[in-house]
Protein backbone atom coordinates (compact mmCIF):
# COMPACT_ATOMS: atom_id res chain seq x y z
CA UNK A 1 133.11 128.50 82.76
CA UNK A 2 130.22 129.18 80.63
CA UNK A 3 126.62 128.55 82.07
CA UNK A 4 126.14 125.45 80.08
CA UNK A 5 129.07 123.69 81.95
CA UNK A 6 128.06 125.10 85.10
CA UNK A 7 124.71 123.52 84.72
CA UNK A 8 126.18 120.13 83.93
CA UNK A 9 128.51 120.24 86.82
CA UNK A 10 125.50 120.89 89.18
CA UNK A 11 123.58 118.10 87.55
CA UNK A 12 126.73 115.51 88.06
CA UNK A 13 126.90 116.67 91.69
CA UNK A 14 123.37 116.58 92.43
CA UNK A 15 123.32 112.96 90.97
CA UNK A 16 126.10 111.94 93.05
CA UNK A 17 124.52 113.21 96.19
CA UNK A 18 121.15 111.31 95.44
CA UNK A 19 123.14 108.10 94.88
CA UNK A 20 124.82 108.48 98.11
CA UNK A 21 121.70 109.10 99.64
CA UNK A 22 119.77 106.27 98.20
CA UNK A 23 122.61 103.52 99.83
CA UNK A 24 121.13 100.98 101.36
CA UNK A 25 120.14 101.27 105.26
CA UNK A 26 120.46 98.44 107.57
CA UNK A 27 117.31 96.52 108.76
CA UNK A 28 115.85 98.02 112.19
CA UNK A 29 116.45 95.97 115.23
CA UNK A 30 113.76 94.38 116.72
CA UNK A 31 113.34 96.88 119.40
CA UNK A 32 113.04 99.54 116.76
CA UNK A 33 110.67 97.46 115.26
CA UNK A 34 108.71 97.06 118.59
CA UNK A 35 108.74 100.80 118.90
CA UNK A 36 107.23 101.59 115.53
CA UNK A 37 104.46 99.30 116.25
CA UNK A 38 103.70 100.74 119.34
CA UNK A 39 103.76 104.25 117.79
CA UNK A 40 101.61 103.15 114.89
CA UNK A 41 99.06 101.81 117.54
CA UNK A 42 99.11 104.96 119.35
CA UNK A 43 98.62 106.97 116.07
CA UNK A 44 95.51 104.53 115.30
CA UNK A 45 94.03 105.10 118.66
CA UNK A 46 94.39 108.72 118.60
CA UNK A 47 92.40 108.70 115.12
CA UNK A 48 89.79 106.56 116.51
CA UNK A 49 89.53 109.10 119.58
CA UNK A 50 89.48 111.97 117.18
CA UNK A 51 86.62 110.45 115.37
CA UNK A 52 84.66 109.60 118.37
CA UNK A 53 84.97 113.35 119.50
CA UNK A 54 84.01 114.59 116.06
CA UNK A 55 80.98 112.30 116.11
CA UNK A 56 79.78 113.66 119.62
CA UNK A 57 80.27 117.18 118.63
CA UNK A 58 78.10 116.32 115.10
CA UNK A 59 75.42 115.08 117.54
CA UNK A 60 75.49 117.92 119.81
CA UNK A 61 74.90 120.31 116.69
CA UNK A 62 72.15 118.29 115.26
CA UNK A 63 70.53 118.18 118.69
CA UNK A 64 70.77 122.08 119.11
CA UNK A 65 69.83 122.42 115.34
CA UNK A 66 66.54 120.51 115.57
CA UNK A 67 65.65 121.84 119.25
CA UNK A 68 65.95 125.46 117.71
CA UNK A 69 63.95 124.76 114.54
CA UNK A 70 61.28 123.11 116.70
CA UNK A 71 61.34 126.17 118.81
CA UNK A 72 61.09 128.59 115.87
CA UNK A 73 58.03 126.41 114.81
CA UNK A 74 59.80 125.20 111.68
CA UNK A 75 59.02 121.72 110.10
CA UNK A 76 61.83 119.27 110.96
CA UNK A 77 62.63 116.11 109.08
CA UNK A 78 63.29 112.79 111.00
CA UNK A 79 67.20 112.78 111.31
CA UNK A 80 69.10 110.37 108.88
CA UNK A 81 69.81 107.13 110.84
CA UNK A 82 73.42 107.04 111.45
CA UNK A 83 75.82 104.60 113.25
CA UNK A 84 76.06 105.46 117.09
CA UNK A 85 79.33 106.93 118.32
CA UNK A 86 81.62 104.33 119.49
CA UNK A 87 84.15 105.49 122.48
CA UNK A 88 87.40 103.77 121.83
CA UNK A 89 88.05 103.76 125.70
CA UNK A 90 91.92 104.25 126.81
CA UNK A 91 94.82 103.37 124.70
CA UNK A 92 96.04 100.00 125.68
CA UNK A 93 99.02 98.10 123.75
CA UNK A 94 99.72 94.83 123.92
CA UNK A 95 102.84 93.82 122.04
CA UNK A 96 102.71 90.73 119.66
CA UNK A 97 104.43 87.56 120.62
CA UNK A 98 107.97 87.05 119.43
CA UNK A 99 108.16 85.13 116.34
CA UNK A 100 110.01 81.79 116.57
CA UNK A 101 112.61 81.45 113.97
CA UNK A 102 111.63 78.68 111.36
CA UNK A 103 114.62 76.34 111.78
CA UNK A 104 113.97 75.96 115.53
CA UNK A 105 110.08 75.99 115.17
CA UNK A 106 110.50 73.10 112.45
CA UNK A 107 112.50 71.42 115.01
CA UNK A 108 110.54 71.76 117.84
CA UNK A 109 107.18 70.33 115.68
CA UNK A 110 108.84 67.69 113.98
CA UNK A 111 109.84 64.49 116.13
CA UNK A 112 113.27 63.03 115.69
CA UNK A 113 113.25 59.77 113.76
CA UNK A 114 113.83 56.63 115.54
CA UNK A 115 117.59 55.58 114.70
CA UNK A 116 117.81 52.16 112.46
CA UNK A 117 118.63 48.89 114.84
CA UNK A 118 122.34 47.91 114.63
CA UNK A 119 122.91 44.40 113.22
């Protein structure tokens, strides 16, 4: 086997591998969707907590710098106005209400048509 045929064989094998990996996966269950939504909410809350902690540390550093500059007799310009640090509080997750299937929702909303009188 020469080098070109080995490369061709390797390319064909990797193409088959990619094609088999791209097979359609089954849809996630409702439980899996709920767990994914909760994990996303936890991640978002964690990001808010990290942003709050960063904001607090920047405030502390700025206050320390201002105090040391005043103590050293340097001119201190007024600080730039920034929004206050917002504490996100503890993590609380409320799952969304379960979705009602469209067929049963339409049946529950639409009243039944009155039957035609028999003659």
